[in-house]
Amino acid sequence: DCLPQVAVSDDAATKIRLGNPVIIRGRDAPVEAEEACATARGRLVAIGAIEQGMFKPKRVFAG
């Protein structure tokens, strides 16, 4: 629970689950993080990295 969390839309969650990177938007969105987790509707979608404002999944979880 120490990883930065990024809330994503359902559409972004689908892209992430397919292994695709997504752009992270919002004033509180981290620009860089070696490890972060993406959540949709409060559920874990993936663990990955944030590079140049994009979440890049490393391990995805079924929805």
PDB file of N, CA and C in Angstrom:
ATOM      1  N   ASP A   1       0.827  -1.199   0.000  1.00  0.00           N
ATOM      2  CA  ASP A   1       0.000   0.000   0.000  1.00  0.00           C
ATOM      3  C   ASP A   1       0.869   1.259   0.000  1.00  0.00           C
ATOM      4  N   CYS A   2       2.166   1.083  -0.151  1.00  0.00           N
ATOM      5  CA  CYS A   2       3.091   2.212  -0.148  1.00  0.00           C
ATOM      6  C   CYS A   2       3.285   2.809  -1.534  1.00  0.00           C
ATOM      7  N   LEU A   3       2.821   2.123  -2.555  1.00  0.00           N
ATOM      8  CA  LEU A   3       3.014   2.606  -3.922  1.00  0.00           C
ATOM      9  C   LEU A   3       2.085   3.774  -4.217  1.00  0.00           C
ATOM     10  N   PRO A   4       2.539   4.720  -5.052  1.00  0.00           N
ATOM     11  CA  PRO A   4       1.622   5.767  -5.497  1.00  0.00           C
ATOM     12  C   PRO A   4       0.451   5.129  -6.249  1.00  0.00           C
ATOM     13  N   GLN A   5      -0.756   5.614  -5.990  1.00  0.00           N
ATOM     14  CA  GLN A   5      -1.934   5.076  -6.663  1.00  0.00           C
ATOM     15  C   GLN A   5      -2.445   6.058  -7.695  1.00  0.00           C
ATOM     16  N   VAL A   6      -2.844   5.520  -8.823  1.00  0.00           N
ATOM     17  CA  VAL A   6      -3.399   6.326  -9.903  1.00  0.00           C
ATOM     18  C   VAL A   6      -4.773   5.757 -10.234  1.00  0.00           C
ATOM     19  N   ALA A   7      -5.805   6.574 -10.092  1.00  0.00           N
ATOM     20  CA  ALA A   7      -7.156   6.142 -10.453  1.00  0.00           C
ATOM     21  C   ALA A   7      -7.344   6.349 -11.952  1.00  0.00           C
ATOM     22  N   VAL A   8      -7.836   5.318 -12.627  1.00  0.00           N
ATOM     23  CA  VAL A   8      -8.038   5.400 -14.077  1.00  0.00           C
ATOM     24  C   VAL A   8      -9.494   5.090 -14.417  1.00  0.00           C
ATOM     25  N   SER A   9      -9.912   5.510 -15.592  1.00  0.00           N
ATOM     26  CA  SER A   9     -11.272   5.243 -16.067  1.00  0.00           C
ATOM     27  C   SER A   9     -11.407   3.773 -16.460  1.00  0.00           C
ATOM     28  N   ASP A  10     -12.634   3.347 -16.685  1.00  0.00           N
ATOM     29  CA  ASP A  10     -12.863   1.970 -17.130  1.00  0.00           C
ATOM     30  C   ASP A  10     -12.198   1.714 -18.481  1.00  0.00           C
ATOM     31  N   ASP A  11     -12.252   2.701 -19.382  1.00  0.00           N
ATOM     32  CA  ASP A  11     -11.618   2.544 -20.698  1.00  0.00           C
ATOM     33  C   ASP A  11     -10.109   2.388 -20.560  1.00  0.00           C
ATOM     34  N   ALA A  12      -9.507   3.222 -19.703  1.00  0.00           N
ATOM     35  CA  ALA A  12      -8.061   3.130 -19.486  1.00  0.00           C
ATOM     36  C   ALA A  12      -7.710   1.794 -18.833  1.00  0.00           C
ATOM     37  N   ALA A  13      -8.556   1.327 -17.911  1.00  0.00           N
ATOM     38  CA  ALA A  13      -8.306   0.042 -17.250  1.00  0.00           C
ATOM     39  C   ALA A  13      -8.289  -1.091 -18.268  1.00  0.00           C
ATOM     40  N   THR A  14      -9.194  -1.042 -19.236  1.00  0.00           N
ATOM     41  CA  THR A  14      -9.228  -2.066 -20.286  1.00  0.00           C
ATOM     42  C   THR A  14      -7.936  -2.049 -21.086  1.00  0.00           C
ATOM     43  N   LYS A  15      -7.465  -0.864 -21.443  1.00  0.00           N
ATOM     44  CA  LYS A  15      -6.209  -0.746 -22.193  1.00  0.00           C
ATOM     45  C   LYS A  15      -5.041  -1.284 -21.377  1.00  0.00           C
ATOM     46  N   ILE A  16      -5.015  -0.932 -20.094  1.00  0.00           N
ATOM     47  CA  ILE A  16      -3.931  -1.393 -19.218  1.00  0.00           C
ATOM     48  C   ILE A  16      -3.952  -2.914 -19.111  1.00  0.00           C
ATOM     49  N   ARG A  17      -5.147  -3.493 -18.951  1.00  0.00           N
ATOM     50  CA  ARG A  17      -5.244  -4.957 -18.825  1.00  0.00           C
ATOM     51  C   ARG A  17      -4.757  -5.671 -20.082  1.00  0.00           C
ATOM     52  N   LEU A  18      -4.782  -4.970 -21.211  1.00  0.00           N
ATOM     53  CA  LEU A  18      -4.265  -5.535 -22.462  1.00  0.00           C
ATOM     54  C   LEU A  18      -2.766  -5.271 -22.620  1.00  0.00           C
ATOM     55  N   GLY A  19      -2.169  -4.645 -21.599  1.00  0.00           N
ATOM     56  CA  GLY A  19      -0.730  -4.401 -21.617  1.00  0.00           C
ATOM     57  C   GLY A  19      -0.309  -3.088 -22.237  1.00  0.00           C
ATOM     58  N   ASN A  20      -1.275  -2.218 -22.527  1.00  0.00           N
ATOM     59  CA  ASN A  20      -0.966  -0.951 -23.183  1.00  0.00           C
ATOM     60  C   ASN A  20      -0.760   0.179 -22.179  1.00  0.00           C
ATOM     61  N   PRO A  21       0.162   1.098 -22.457  1.00  0.00           N
ATOM     62  CA  PRO A  21       0.342   2.263 -21.590  1.00  0.00           C
ATOM     63  C   PRO A  21      -0.797   3.261 -21.785  1.00  0.00           C
ATOM     64  N   VAL A  22      -1.060   4.058 -20.759  1.00  0.00           N
ATOM     65  CA  VAL A  22      -2.082   5.106 -20.848  1.00  0.00           C
ATOM     66  C   VAL A  22      -1.526   6.402 -20.273  1.00  0.00           C
ATOM     67  N   ILE A  23      -2.016   7.517 -20.792  1.00  0.00           N
ATOM     68  CA  ILE A  23      -1.617   8.832 -20.292  1.00  0.00           C
ATOM     69  C   ILE A  23      -2.344   9.085 -18.978  1.00  0.00           C
ATOM     70  N   ILE A  24      -1.598   9.562 -17.989  1.00  0.00           N
ATOM     71  CA  ILE A  24      -2.167   9.891 -16.684  1.00  0.00           C
ATOM     72  C   ILE A  24      -2.384  11.394 -16.637  1.00  0.00           C
ATOM     73  N   ARG A  25      -3.611  11.802 -16.339  1.00  0.00           N
ATOM     74  CA  ARG A  25      -3.938  13.228 -16.298  1.00  0.00           C
ATOM     75  C   ARG A  25      -4.420  13.615 -14.911  1.00  0.00           C
ATOM     76  N   GLY A  26      -4.405  14.909 -14.654  1.00  0.00           N
ATOM     77  CA  GLY A  26      -4.885  15.431 -13.380  1.00  0.00           C
ATOM     78  C   GLY A  26      -3.771  16.154 -12.653  1.00  0.00           C
ATOM     79  N   ARG A  27      -4.142  17.150 -11.875  1.00  0.00           N
ATOM     80  CA  ARG A  27      -3.117  17.968 -11.228  1.00  0.00           C
ATOM     81  C   ARG A  27      -2.329  17.201 -10.178  1.00  0.00           C
ATOM     82  N   ASP A  28      -2.900  16.136  -9.610  1.00  0.00           N
ATOM     83  CA  ASP A  28      -2.202  15.346  -8.596  1.00  0.00           C
ATOM     84  C   ASP A  28      -1.500  14.124  -9.180  1.00  0.00           C
ATOM     85  N   ALA A  29      -1.570  13.955 -10.481  1.00  0.00           N
ATOM     86  CA  ALA A  29      -0.977  12.771 -11.113  1.00  0.00           C
ATOM     87  C   ALA A  29       0.546  12.861 -11.083  1.00  0.00           C
ATOM     88  N   PRO A  30       1.200  11.797 -10.622  1.00  0.00           N
ATOM     89  CA  PRO A  30       2.667  11.812 -10.640  1.00  0.00           C
ATOM     90  C   PRO A  30       3.196  11.750 -12.071  1.00  0.00           C
ATOM     91  N   VAL A  31       4.301  12.424 -12.325  1.00  0.00           N
ATOM     92  CA  VAL A  31       4.903  12.432 -13.659  1.00  0.00           C
ATOM     93  C   VAL A  31       5.863  11.260 -13.810  1.00  0.00           C
ATOM     94  N   GLU A  32       6.560  10.927 -12.725  1.00  0.00           N
ATOM     95  CA  GLU A  32       7.526   9.828 -12.739  1.00  0.00           C
ATOM     96  C   GLU A  32       7.370   9.006 -11.459  1.00  0.00           C
ATOM     97  N   ALA A  33       7.431   7.697 -11.588  1.00  0.00           N
ATOM     98  CA  ALA A  33       7.461   6.796 -10.433  1.00  0.00           C
ATOM     99  C   ALA A  33       7.967   5.448 -10.922  1.00  0.00           C
ATOM    100  N   GLU A  34       8.966   4.913 -10.230  1.00  0.00           N
ATOM    101  CA  GLU A  34       9.503   3.607 -10.636  1.00  0.00           C
ATOM    102  C   GLU A  34       8.462   2.515 -10.484  1.00  0.00           C
ATOM    103  N   GLU A  35       7.632   2.638  -9.446  1.00  0.00           N
ATOM    104  CA  GLU A  35       6.549   1.686  -9.237  1.00  0.00           C
ATOM    105  C   GLU A  35       5.309   2.440  -8.792  1.00  0.00           C
ATOM    106  N   ALA A  36       4.181   2.040  -9.341  1.00  0.00           N
ATOM    107  CA  ALA A  36       2.896   2.627  -8.978  1.00  0.00           C
ATOM    108  C   ALA A  36       1.819   1.596  -9.268  1.00  0.00           C
ATOM    109  N   CYS A  37       0.651   1.804  -8.688  1.00  0.00           N
ATOM    110  CA  CYS A  37      -0.453   0.903  -9.007  1.00  0.00           C
ATOM    111  C   CYS A  37      -1.603   1.711  -9.591  1.00  0.00           C
ATOM    112  N   ALA A  38      -2.266   1.103 -10.550  1.00  0.00           N
ATOM    113  CA  ALA A  38      -3.430   1.715 -11.188  1.00  0.00           C
ATOM    114  C   ALA A  38      -4.675   1.033 -10.645  1.00  0.00           C
ATOM    115  N   THR A  39      -5.678   1.846 -10.318  1.00  0.00           N
ATOM    116  CA  THR A  39      -6.935   1.312  -9.818  1.00  0.00           C
ATOM    117  C   THR A  39      -8.089   1.871 -10.637  1.00  0.00           C
ATOM    118  N   ALA A  40      -9.152   1.088 -10.726  1.00  0.00           N
ATOM    119  CA  ALA A  40     -10.387   1.529 -11.377  1.00  0.00           C
ATOM    120  C   ALA A  40     -11.535   1.122 -10.465  1.00  0.00           C
ATOM    121  N   ARG A  41     -12.365   2.079 -10.111  1.00  0.00           N
ATOM    122  CA  ARG A  41     -13.492   1.834  -9.197  1.00  0.00           C
ATOM    123  C   ARG A  41     -13.031   1.197  -7.889  1.00  0.00           C
ATOM    124  N   GLY A  42     -11.834   1.597  -7.441  1.00  0.00           N
ATOM    125  CA  GLY A  42     -11.309   1.105  -6.176  1.00  0.00           C
ATOM    126  C   GLY A  42     -10.670  -0.272  -6.234  1.00  0.00           C
ATOM    127  N   ARG A  43     -10.604  -0.873  -7.416  1.00  0.00           N
ATOM    128  CA  ARG A  43     -10.011  -2.211  -7.558  1.00  0.00           C
ATOM    129  C   ARG A  43      -8.680  -2.122  -8.288  1.00  0.00           C
ATOM    130  N   LEU A  44      -7.737  -2.931  -7.850  1.00  0.00           N
ATOM    131  CA  LEU A  44      -6.405  -2.943  -8.449  1.00  0.00           C
ATOM    132  C   LEU A  44      -6.470  -3.452  -9.885  1.00  0.00           C
ATOM    133  N   VAL A  45      -5.890  -2.689 -10.800  1.00  0.00           N
ATOM    134  CA  VAL A  45      -5.850  -3.061 -12.214  1.00  0.00           C
ATOM    135  C   VAL A  45      -4.463  -3.581 -12.578  1.00  0.00           C
ATOM    136  N   ALA A  46      -3.425  -2.843 -12.151  1.00  0.00           N
ATOM    137  CA  ALA A  46      -2.066  -3.222 -12.530  1.00  0.00           C
ATOM    138  C   ALA A  46      -1.042  -2.537 -11.640  1.00  0.00           C
ATOM    139  N   ILE A  47       0.147  -3.103 -11.658  1.00  0.00           N
ATOM    140  CA  ILE A  47       1.320  -2.471 -11.064  1.00  0.00           C
ATOM    141  C   ILE A  47       2.256  -2.178 -12.221  1.00  0.00           C
ATOM    142  N   GLY A  48       2.820  -0.995 -12.216  1.00  0.00           N
ATOM    143  CA  GLY A  48       3.706  -0.622 -13.310  1.00  0.00           C
ATOM    144  C   GLY A  48       4.539   0.584 -12.945  1.00  0.00           C
ATOM    145  N   ALA A  49       5.013   1.268 -13.963  1.00  0.00           N
ATOM    146  CA  ALA A  49       5.845   2.456 -13.777  1.00  0.00           C
ATOM    147  C   ALA A  49       5.168   3.643 -14.450  1.00  0.00           C
ATOM    148  N   ILE A  50       5.468   4.830 -13.946  1.00  0.00           N
ATOM    149  CA  ILE A  50       4.995   6.049 -14.595  1.00  0.00           C
ATOM    150  C   ILE A  50       6.215   6.755 -15.159  1.00  0.00           C
ATOM    151  N   GLU A  51       6.213   6.923 -16.466  1.00  0.00           N
ATOM    152  CA  GLU A  51       7.321   7.569 -17.165  1.00  0.00           C
ATOM    153  C   GLU A  51       6.760   8.653 -18.072  1.00  0.00           C
ATOM    154  N   GLN A  52       7.229   9.869 -17.874  1.00  0.00           N
ATOM    155  CA  GLN A  52       6.818  11.014 -18.688  1.00  0.00           C
ATOM    156  C   GLN A  52       5.299  11.134 -18.771  1.00  0.00           C
ATOM    157  N   GLY A  53       4.633  10.944 -17.631  1.00  0.00           N
ATOM    158  CA  GLY A  53       3.191  11.111 -17.575  1.00  0.00           C
ATOM    159  C   GLY A  53       2.377   9.955 -18.120  1.00  0.00           C
ATOM    160  N   MET A  54       3.028   8.819 -18.399  1.00  0.00           N
ATOM    161  CA  MET A  54       2.312   7.642 -18.891  1.00  0.00           C
ATOM    162  C   MET A  54       2.472   6.490 -17.915  1.00  0.00           C
ATOM    163  N   PHE A  55       1.358   5.814 -17.619  1.00  0.00           N
ATOM    164  CA  PHE A  55       1.416   4.604 -16.803  1.00  0.00           C
ATOM    165  C   PHE A  55       1.703   3.438 -17.728  1.00  0.00           C
ATOM    166  N   LYS A  56       2.794   2.718 -17.441  1.00  0.00           N
ATOM    167  CA  LYS A  56       3.196   1.570 -18.259  1.00  0.00           C
ATOM    168  C   LYS A  56       3.093   0.315 -17.391  1.00  0.00           C
ATOM    169  N   PRO A  57       2.110  -0.542 -17.669  1.00  0.00           N
ATOM    170  CA  PRO A  57       1.894  -1.717 -16.816  1.00  0.00           C
ATOM    171  C   PRO A  57       3.021  -2.740 -16.918  1.00  0.00           C
ATOM    172  N   LYS A  58       3.350  -3.332 -15.768  1.00  0.00           N
ATOM    173  CA  LYS A  58       4.319  -4.429 -15.722  1.00  0.00           C
ATOM    174  C   LYS A  58       3.611  -5.731 -15.370  1.00  0.00           C
ATOM    175  N   ARG A  59       2.648  -5.654 -14.451  1.00  0.00           N
ATOM    176  CA  ARG A  59       1.864  -6.829 -14.062  1.00  0.00           C
ATOM    177  C   ARG A  59       0.409  -6.405 -13.982  1.00  0.00           C
ATOM    178  N   VAL A  60      -0.448  -7.087 -14.724  1.00  0.00           N
ATOM    179  CA  VAL A  60      -1.867  -6.742 -14.747  1.00  0.00           C
ATOM    180  C   VAL A  60      -2.680  -7.803 -14.014  1.00  0.00           C
ATOM    181  N   PHE A  61      -3.849  -7.387 -13.538  1.00  0.00           N
ATOM    182  CA  PHE A  61      -4.727  -8.271 -12.778  1.00  0.00           C
ATOM    183  C   PHE A  61      -6.086  -8.330 -13.458  1.00  0.00           C
ATOM    184  N   ALA A  62      -6.722  -9.484 -13.397  1.00  0.00           N
ATOM    185  CA  ALA A  62      -8.029  -9.674 -14.033  1.00  0.00           C
ATOM    186  C   ALA A  62      -9.060  -8.767 -13.381  1.00  0.00           C
ATOM    187  N   GLY A  63     -10.023  -8.354 -14.166  1.00  0.00           N
ATOM    188  CA  GLY A  63     -11.047  -7.443 -13.672  1.00  0.00           C
ATOM    189  C   GLY A  63     -12.175  -8.174 -13.071  1.00  0.00           C
TER     190      GLY A  63
END
